[in-house]
mmCIF file of all heavy atoms, coordinates in Angstrom:
data_MODEL
# 
_entry.id   MODEL 
# 
loop_
_atom_site.group_PDB 
_atom_site.id 
_atom_site.type_symbol 
_atom_site.label_atom_id 
_atom_site.label_alt_id 
_atom_site.label_comp_id 
_atom_site.label_asym_id 
_atom_site.label_entity_id 
_atom_site.label_seq_id 
_atom_site.pdbx_PDB_ins_code 
_atom_site.Cartn_x 
_atom_site.Cartn_y 
_atom_site.Cartn_z 
_atom_site.occupancy 
_atom_site.B_iso_or_equiv 
_atom_site.pdbx_formal_charge 
_atom_site.auth_seq_id 
_atom_site.auth_comp_id 
_atom_site.auth_asym_id 
_atom_site.auth_atom_id 
_atom_site.pdbx_PDB_model_num 
ATOM 1   N N   . GLY A 1 1  ? -187.238 -49.695 -20.865 1.00 0.00 ? 1  GLY A N   1 
ATOM 2   C CA  . GLY A 1 1  ? -187.525 -50.893 -21.585 1.00 0.00 ? 1  GLY A CA  1 
ATOM 3   C C   . GLY A 1 1  ? -187.080 -52.194 -21.020 1.00 0.00 ? 1  GLY A C   1 
ATOM 4   O O   . GLY A 1 1  ? -187.387 -53.270 -21.531 1.00 0.00 ? 1  GLY A O   1 
ATOM 5   N N   . GLY A 1 2  ? -186.465 -52.089 -19.840 1.00 0.00 ? 2  GLY A N   1 
ATOM 6   C CA  . GLY A 1 2  ? -186.010 -53.357 -19.102 1.00 0.00 ? 2  GLY A CA  1 
ATOM 7   C C   . GLY A 1 2  ? -187.180 -54.073 -18.507 1.00 0.00 ? 2  GLY A C   1 
ATOM 8   O O   . GLY A 1 2  ? -188.303 -53.498 -18.418 1.00 0.00 ? 2  GLY A O   1 
ATOM 9   N N   . GLY A 1 3  ? -186.894 -55.285 -18.106 1.00 0.00 ? 3  GLY A N   1 
ATOM 10  C CA  . GLY A 1 3  ? -187.939 -56.089 -17.462 1.00 0.00 ? 3  GLY A CA  1 
ATOM 11  C C   . GLY A 1 3  ? -187.661 -57.541 -17.375 1.00 0.00 ? 3  GLY A C   1 
ATOM 12  O O   . GLY A 1 3  ? -186.465 -57.932 -17.476 1.00 0.00 ? 3  GLY A O   1 
ATOM 13  N N   . LEU A 1 4  ? -188.600 -58.372 -17.074 1.00 0.00 ? 4  LEU A N   1 
ATOM 14  C CA  . LEU A 1 4  ? -188.397 -59.832 -16.920 1.00 0.00 ? 4  LEU A CA  1 
ATOM 15  C C   . LEU A 1 4  ? -188.862 -60.555 -18.249 1.00 0.00 ? 4  LEU A C   1 
ATOM 16  O O   . LEU A 1 4  ? -190.021 -60.298 -18.682 1.00 0.00 ? 4  LEU A O   1 
ATOM 17  C CB  . LEU A 1 4  ? -189.165 -60.284 -15.724 1.00 0.00 ? 4  LEU A CB  1 
ATOM 18  C CG  . LEU A 1 4  ? -189.195 -61.789 -15.480 1.00 0.00 ? 4  LEU A CG  1 
ATOM 19  C CD1 . LEU A 1 4  ? -187.815 -62.329 -15.133 1.00 0.00 ? 4  LEU A CD1 1 
ATOM 20  C CD2 . LEU A 1 4  ? -190.190 -62.124 -14.347 1.00 0.00 ? 4  LEU A CD2 1 
ATOM 21  N N   . VAL A 1 5  ? -188.041 -61.449 -18.712 1.00 0.00 ? 5  VAL A N   1 
ATOM 22  C CA  . VAL A 1 5  ? -188.414 -62.187 -19.885 1.00 0.00 ? 5  VAL A CA  1 
ATOM 23  C C   . VAL A 1 5  ? -187.850 -63.609 -19.806 1.00 0.00 ? 5  VAL A C   1 
ATOM 24  O O   . VAL A 1 5  ? -186.814 -63.879 -19.116 1.00 0.00 ? 5  VAL A O   1 
ATOM 25  C CB  . VAL A 1 5  ? -187.843 -61.493 -21.176 1.00 0.00 ? 5  VAL A CB  1 
ATOM 26  C CG1 . VAL A 1 5  ? -186.301 -61.434 -21.165 1.00 0.00 ? 5  VAL A CG1 1 
ATOM 27  C CG2 . VAL A 1 5  ? -188.329 -62.155 -22.416 1.00 0.00 ? 5  VAL A CG2 1 
ATOM 28  N N   . GLN A 1 6  ? -188.447 -64.553 -20.449 1.00 0.00 ? 6  GLN A N   1 
ATOM 29  C CA  . GLN A 1 6  ? -188.020 -65.974 -20.437 1.00 0.00 ? 6  GLN A CA  1 
ATOM 30  C C   . GLN A 1 6  ? -186.904 -66.103 -21.401 1.00 0.00 ? 6  GLN A C   1 
ATOM 31  O O   . GLN A 1 6  ? -186.765 -65.396 -22.404 1.00 0.00 ? 6  GLN A O   1 
ATOM 32  C CB  . GLN A 1 6  ? -189.116 -66.862 -20.761 1.00 0.00 ? 6  GLN A CB  1 
ATOM 33  C CG  . GLN A 1 6  ? -190.184 -66.983 -19.718 1.00 0.00 ? 6  GLN A CG  1 
ATOM 34  C CD  . GLN A 1 6  ? -191.296 -68.018 -20.015 1.00 0.00 ? 6  GLN A CD  1 
ATOM 35  O OE1 . GLN A 1 6  ? -191.356 -68.533 -21.150 1.00 0.00 ? 6  GLN A OE1 1 
ATOM 36  N NE2 . GLN A 1 6  ? -192.108 -68.355 -19.047 1.00 0.00 ? 6  GLN A NE2 1 
ATOM 37  N N   . ALA A 1 7  ? -186.044 -67.081 -21.183 1.00 0.00 ? 7  ALA A N   1 
ATOM 38  C CA  . ALA A 1 7  ? -184.984 -67.412 -22.082 1.00 0.00 ? 7  ALA A CA  1 
ATOM 39  C C   . ALA A 1 7  ? -185.490 -67.638 -23.473 1.00 0.00 ? 7  ALA A C   1 
ATOM 40  O O   . ALA A 1 7  ? -186.521 -68.321 -23.715 1.00 0.00 ? 7  ALA A O   1 
ATOM 41  C CB  . ALA A 1 7  ? -184.146 -68.617 -21.613 1.00 0.00 ? 7  ALA A CB  1 
ATOM 42  N N   . GLY A 1 8  ? -184.826 -67.081 -24.487 1.00 0.00 ? 8  GLY A N   1 
ATOM 43  C CA  . GLY A 1 8  ? -185.294 -67.167 -25.905 1.00 0.00 ? 8  GLY A CA  1 
ATOM 44  C C   . GLY A 1 8  ? -186.151 -66.048 -26.272 1.00 0.00 ? 8  GLY A C   1 
ATOM 45  O O   . GLY A 1 8  ? -186.442 -65.874 -27.492 1.00 0.00 ? 8  GLY A O   1 
ATOM 46  N N   . GLY A 1 9  ? -186.593 -65.210 -25.368 1.00 0.00 ? 9  GLY A N   1 
ATOM 47  C CA  . GLY A 1 9  ? -187.426 -64.060 -25.650 1.00 0.00 ? 9  GLY A CA  1 
ATOM 48  C C   . GLY A 1 9  ? -186.645 -62.828 -26.096 1.00 0.00 ? 9  GLY A C   1 
ATOM 49  O O   . GLY A 1 9  ? -185.437 -62.883 -26.305 1.00 0.00 ? 9  GLY A O   1 
ATOM 50  N N   . SER A 1 10 ? -187.396 -61.720 -26.269 1.00 0.00 ? 10 SER A N   1 
ATOM 51  C CA  . SER A 1 10 ? -186.792 -60.478 -26.745 1.00 0.00 ? 10 SER A CA  1 
ATOM 52  C C   . SER A 1 10 ? -187.214 -59.299 -25.895 1.00 0.00 ? 10 SER A C   1 
ATOM 53  O O   . SER A 1 10 ? -188.223 -59.287 -25.255 1.00 0.00 ? 10 SER A O   1 
ATOM 54  C CB  . SER A 1 10 ? -187.218 -60.255 -28.215 1.00 0.00 ? 10 SER A CB  1 
ATOM 55  O OG  . SER A 1 10 ? -186.791 -61.269 -29.063 1.00 0.00 ? 10 SER A OG  1 
ATOM 56  N N   . LEU A 1 11 ? -186.307 -58.271 -25.856 1.00 0.00 ? 11 LEU A N   1 
ATOM 57  C CA  . LEU A 1 11 ? -186.590 -57.024 -25.244 1.00 0.00 ? 11 LEU A CA  1 
ATOM 58  C C   . LEU A 1 11 ? -185.959 -55.924 -26.113 1.00 0.00 ? 11 LEU A C   1 
ATOM 59  O O   . LEU A 1 11 ? -184.937 -56.171 -26.758 1.00 0.00 ? 11 LEU A O   1 
ATOM 60  C CB  . LEU A 1 11 ? -186.061 -56.891 -23.818 1.00 0.00 ? 11 LEU A CB  1 
ATOM 61  C CG  . LEU A 1 11 ? -186.778 -57.610 -22.711 1.00 0.00 ? 11 LEU A CG  1 
ATOM 62  C CD1 . LEU A 1 11 ? -185.937 -57.530 -21.377 1.00 0.00 ? 11 LEU A CD1 1 
ATOM 63  C CD2 . LEU A 1 11 ? -188.185 -56.979 -22.502 1.00 0.00 ? 11 LEU A CD2 1 
ATOM 64  N N   . ARG A 1 12 ? -186.514 -54.725 -26.062 1.00 0.00 ? 12 ARG A N   1 
ATOM 65  C CA  . ARG A 1 12 ? -185.967 -53.597 -26.745 1.00 0.00 ? 12 ARG A CA  1 
ATOM 66  C C   . ARG A 1 12 ? -185.725 -52.431 -25.740 1.00 0.00 ? 12 ARG A C   1 
ATOM 67  O O   . ARG A 1 12 ? -186.701 -51.975 -25.137 1.00 0.00 ? 12 ARG A O   1 
ATOM 68  C CB  . ARG A 1 12 ? -186.816 -53.044 -27.871 1.00 0.00 ? 12 ARG A CB  1 
ATOM 69  C CG  . ARG A 1 12 ? -186.139 -51.968 -28.613 1.00 0.00 ? 12 ARG A CG  1 
ATOM 70  C CD  . ARG A 1 12 ? -187.000 -51.514 -29.835 1.00 0.00 ? 12 ARG A CD  1 
ATOM 71  N NE  . ARG A 1 12 ? -188.321 -51.007 -29.447 1.00 0.00 ? 12 ARG A NE  1 
ATOM 72  C CZ  . ARG A 1 12 ? -189.287 -50.788 -30.250 1.00 0.00 ? 12 ARG A CZ  1 
ATOM 73  N NH1 . ARG A 1 12 ? -189.141 -51.052 -31.599 1.00 0.00 ? 12 ARG A NH1 1 
ATOM 74  N NH2 . ARG A 1 12 ? -190.443 -50.262 -29.869 1.00 0.00 ? 12 ARG A NH2 1 
ATOM 75  N N   . LEU A 1 13 ? -184.459 -52.076 -25.476 1.00 0.00 ? 13 LEU A N   1 
ATOM 76  C CA  . LEU A 1 13 ? -184.143 -51.010 -24.613 1.00 0.00 ? 13 LEU A CA  1 
ATOM 77  C C   . LEU A 1 13 ? -184.031 -49.677 -25.389 1.00 0.00 ? 13 LEU A C   1 
ATOM 78  O O   . LEU A 1 13 ? -183.614 -49.680 -26.577 1.00 0.00 ? 13 LEU A O   1 
ATOM 79  C CB  . LEU A 1 13 ? -182.817 -51.267 -23.898 1.00 0.00 ? 13 LEU A CB  1 
ATOM 80  C CG  . LEU A 1 13 ? -182.688 -52.509 -23.158 1.00 0.00 ? 13 LEU A CG  1 
ATOM 81  C CD1 . LEU A 1 13 ? -181.275 -52.647 -22.456 1.00 0.00 ? 13 LEU A CD1 1 
ATOM 82  C CD2 . LEU A 1 13 ? -183.827 -52.810 -22.199 1.00 0.00 ? 13 LEU A CD2 1 
ATOM 83  N N   . SER A 1 14 ? -184.448 -48.594 -24.760 1.00 0.00 ? 14 SER A N   1 
ATOM 84  C CA  . SER A 1 14 ? -184.371 -47.296 -25.335 1.00 0.00 ? 14 SER A CA  1 
ATOM 85  C C   . SER A 1 14 ? -183.560 -46.375 -24.449 1.00 0.00 ? 14 SER A C   1 
ATOM 86  O O   . SER A 1 14 ? -183.524 -46.516 -23.221 1.00 0.00 ? 14 SER A O   1 
ATOM 87  C CB  . SER A 1 14 ? -185.691 -46.681 -25.515 1.00 0.00 ? 14 SER A CB  1 
ATOM 88  O OG  . SER A 1 14 ? -186.548 -47.451 -26.358 1.00 0.00 ? 14 SER A OG  1 
ATOM 89  N N   . CYS A 1 15 ? -182.823 -45.434 -25.036 1.00 0.00 ? 15 CYS A N   1 
ATOM 90  C CA  . CYS A 1 15 ? -182.080 -44.462 -24.286 1.00 0.00 ? 15 CYS A CA  1 
ATOM 91  C C   . CYS A 1 15 ? -182.341 -43.099 -24.890 1.00 0.00 ? 15 CYS A C   1 
ATOM 92  O O   . CYS A 1 15 ? -181.993 -42.800 -26.004 1.00 0.00 ? 15 CYS A O   1 
ATOM 93  C CB  . CYS A 1 15 ? -180.562 -44.723 -24.433 1.00 0.00 ? 15 CYS A CB  1 
ATOM 94  S SG  . CYS A 1 15 ? -179.503 -43.501 -23.642 1.00 0.00 ? 15 CYS A SG  1 
ATOM 95  N N   . ALA A 1 16 ? -183.081 -42.281 -24.170 1.00 0.00 ? 16 ALA A N   1 
ATOM 96  C CA  . ALA A 1 16 ? -183.469 -40.942 -24.621 1.00 0.00 ? 16 ALA A CA  1 
ATOM 97  C C   . ALA A 1 16 ? -182.408 -39.890 -24.099 1.00 0.00 ? 16 ALA A C   1 
ATOM 98  O O   . ALA A 1 16 ? -182.065 -39.908 -22.919 1.00 0.00 ? 16 ALA A O   1 
ATOM 99  C CB  . ALA A 1 16 ? -184.857 -40.578 -24.074 1.00 0.00 ? 16 ALA A CB  1 
ATOM 100 N N   . ALA A 1 17 ? -181.993 -39.045 -25.026 1.00 0.00 ? 17 ALA A N   1 
ATOM 101 C CA  . ALA A 1 17 ? -180.930 -38.132 -24.682 1.00 0.00 ? 17 ALA A CA  1 
ATOM 102 C C   . ALA A 1 17 ? -181.525 -36.705 -24.799 1.00 0.00 ? 17 ALA A C   1 
ATOM 103 O O   . ALA A 1 17 ? -182.300 -36.363 -25.721 1.00 0.00 ? 17 ALA A O   1 
ATOM 104 C CB  . ALA A 1 17 ? -179.766 -38.243 -25.665 1.00 0.00 ? 17 ALA A CB  1 
ATOM 105 N N   . SER A 1 18 ? -181.081 -35.855 -23.902 1.00 0.00 ? 18 SER A N   1 
ATOM 106 C CA  . SER A 1 18 ? -181.394 -34.436 -23.932 1.00 0.00 ? 18 SER A CA  1 
ATOM 107 C C   . SER A 1 18 ? -180.097 -33.687 -24.065 1.00 0.00 ? 18 SER A C   1 
ATOM 108 O O   . SER A 1 18 ? -179.188 -33.898 -23.371 1.00 0.00 ? 18 SER A O   1 
ATOM 109 C CB  . SER A 1 18 ? -182.125 -33.982 -22.647 1.00 0.00 ? 18 SER A CB  1 
ATOM 110 O OG  . SER A 1 18 ? -181.349 -34.167 -21.486 1.00 0.00 ? 18 SER A OG  1 
ATOM 111 N N   . GLY A 1 19 ? -180.097 -32.814 -25.039 1.00 0.00 ? 19 GLY A N   1 
ATOM 112 C CA  . GLY A 1 19 ? -178.874 -32.034 -25.372 1.00 0.00 ? 19 GLY A CA  1 
ATOM 113 C C   . GLY A 1 19 ? -178.995 -31.436 -26.795 1.00 0.00 ? 19 GLY A C   1 
ATOM 114 O O   . GLY A 1 19 ? -179.869 -31.863 -27.574 1.00 0.00 ? 19 GLY A O   1 
ATOM 115 N N   . ARG A 1 20 ? -178.146 -30.467 -27.070 1.00 0.00 ? 20 ARG A N   1 
ATOM 116 C CA  . ARG A 1 20 ? -178.233 -29.769 -28.365 1.00 0.00 ? 20 ARG A CA  1 
ATOM 117 C C   . ARG A 1 20 ? -177.410 -30.364 -29.441 1.00 0.00 ? 20 ARG A C   1 
ATOM 118 O O   . ARG A 1 20 ? -177.470 -29.870 -30.585 1.00 0.00 ? 20 ARG A O   1 
ATOM 119 C CB  . ARG A 1 20 ? -177.916 -28.311 -28.135 1.00 0.00 ? 20 ARG A CB  1 
ATOM 120 C CG  . ARG A 1 20 ? -178.791 -27.638 -27.018 1.00 0.00 ? 20 ARG A CG  1 
ATOM 121 C CD  . ARG A 1 20 ? -178.444 -26.181 -26.883 1.00 0.00 ? 20 ARG A CD  1 
ATOM 122 N NE  . ARG A 1 20 ? -178.869 -25.375 -28.120 1.00 0.00 ? 20 ARG A NE  1 
ATOM 123 C CZ  . ARG A 1 20 ? -178.746 -24.095 -28.204 1.00 0.00 ? 20 ARG A CZ  1 
ATOM 124 N NH1 . ARG A 1 20 ? -178.224 -23.427 -27.189 1.00 0.00 ? 20 ARG A NH1 1 
ATOM 125 N NH2 . ARG A 1 20 ? -179.107 -23.498 -29.367 1.00 0.00 ? 20 ARG A NH2 1 
ATOM 126 N N   . THR A 1 21 ? -176.499 -31.289 -29.144 1.00 0.00 ? 21 THR A N   1 
ATOM 127 C CA  . THR A 1 21 ? -175.586 -31.861 -30.098 1.00 0.00 ? 21 THR A CA  1 
ATOM 128 C C   . THR A 1 21 ? -175.570 -33.341 -30.134 1.00 0.00 ? 21 THR A C   1 
ATOM 129 O O   . THR A 1 21 ? -174.510 -33.969 -30.309 1.00 0.00 ? 21 THR A O   1 
ATOM 130 C CB  . THR A 1 21 ? -174.129 -31.367 -29.899 1.00 0.00 ? 21 THR A CB  1 
ATOM 131 O OG1 . THR A 1 21 ? -173.738 -31.664 -28.555 1.00 0.00 ? 21 THR A OG1 1 
ATOM 132 C CG2 . THR A 1 21 ? -174.083 -29.832 -30.065 1.00 0.00 ? 21 THR A CG2 1 
ATOM 133 N N   . PHE A 1 22 ? -176.688 -33.992 -29.972 1.00 0.00 ? 22 PHE A N   1 
ATOM 134 C CA  . PHE A 1 22 ? -176.811 -35.450 -29.912 1.00 0.00 ? 22 PHE A CA  1 
ATOM 135 C C   . PHE A 1 22 ? -176.214 -36.100 -31.160 1.00 0.00 ? 22 PHE A C   1 
ATOM 136 O O   . PHE A 1 22 ? -175.606 -37.165 -31.036 1.00 0.00 ? 22 PHE A O   1 
ATOM 137 C CB  . PHE A 1 22 ? -178.249 -35.889 -29.675 1.00 0.00 ? 22 PHE A CB  1 
ATOM 138 C CG  . PHE A 1 22 ? -178.439 -37.340 -29.663 1.00 0.00 ? 22 PHE A CG  1 
ATOM 139 C CD1 . PHE A 1 22 ? -178.062 -38.135 -28.610 1.00 0.00 ? 22 PHE A CD1 1 
ATOM 140 C CD2 . PHE A 1 22 ? -178.991 -38.013 -30.777 1.00 0.00 ? 22 PHE A CD2 1 
ATOM 141 C CE1 . PHE A 1 22 ? -178.189 -39.521 -28.604 1.00 0.00 ? 22 PHE A CE1 1 
ATOM 142 C CE2 . PHE A 1 22 ? -179.171 -39.335 -30.807 1.00 0.00 ? 22 PHE A CE2 1 
ATOM 143 C CZ  . PHE A 1 22 ? -178.777 -40.127 -29.769 1.00 0.00 ? 22 PHE A CZ  1 
ATOM 144 N N   . SER A 1 23 ? -176.410 -35.456 -32.329 1.00 0.00 ? 23 SER A N   1 
ATOM 145 C CA  . SER A 1 23 ? -175.999 -36.112 -33.573 1.00 0.00 ? 23 SER A CA  1 
ATOM 146 C C   . SER A 1 23 ? -174.494 -36.098 -33.680 1.00 0.00 ? 23 SER A C   1 
ATOM 147 O O   . SER A 1 23 ? -174.016 -36.831 -34.590 1.00 0.00 ? 23 SER A O   1 
ATOM 148 C CB  . SER A 1 23 ? -176.597 -35.287 -34.784 1.00 0.00 ? 23 SER A CB  1 
ATOM 149 O OG  . SER A 1 23 ? -176.086 -33.932 -34.734 1.00 0.00 ? 23 SER A OG  1 
ATOM 150 N N   . ASN A 1 24 ? -173.729 -35.495 -32.817 1.00 0.00 ? 24 ASN A N   1 
ATOM 151 C CA  . ASN A 1 24 ? -172.253 -35.525 -32.815 1.00 0.00 ? 24 ASN A CA  1 
ATOM 152 C C   . ASN A 1 24 ? -171.750 -36.385 -31.679 1.00 0.00 ? 24 ASN A C   1 
ATOM 153 O O   . ASN A 1 24 ? -170.539 -36.250 -31.363 1.00 0.00 ? 24 ASN A O   1 
ATOM 154 C CB  . ASN A 1 24 ? -171.685 -34.113 -32.671 1.00 0.00 ? 24 ASN A CB  1 
ATOM 155 C CG  . ASN A 1 24 ? -171.901 -33.323 -33.930 1.00 0.00 ? 24 ASN A CG  1 
ATOM 156 O OD1 . ASN A 1 24 ? -172.032 -33.866 -35.034 1.00 0.00 ? 24 ASN A OD1 1 
ATOM 157 N ND2 . ASN A 1 24 ? -171.875 -32.002 -33.798 1.00 0.00 ? 24 ASN A ND2 1 
# 
């Protein structure tokens, strides 16, 4: 989700996890 944006703008980063106990 990273990238180039002008001041005042918005970005949304995501982090995808692989594993069996992410909720903990």
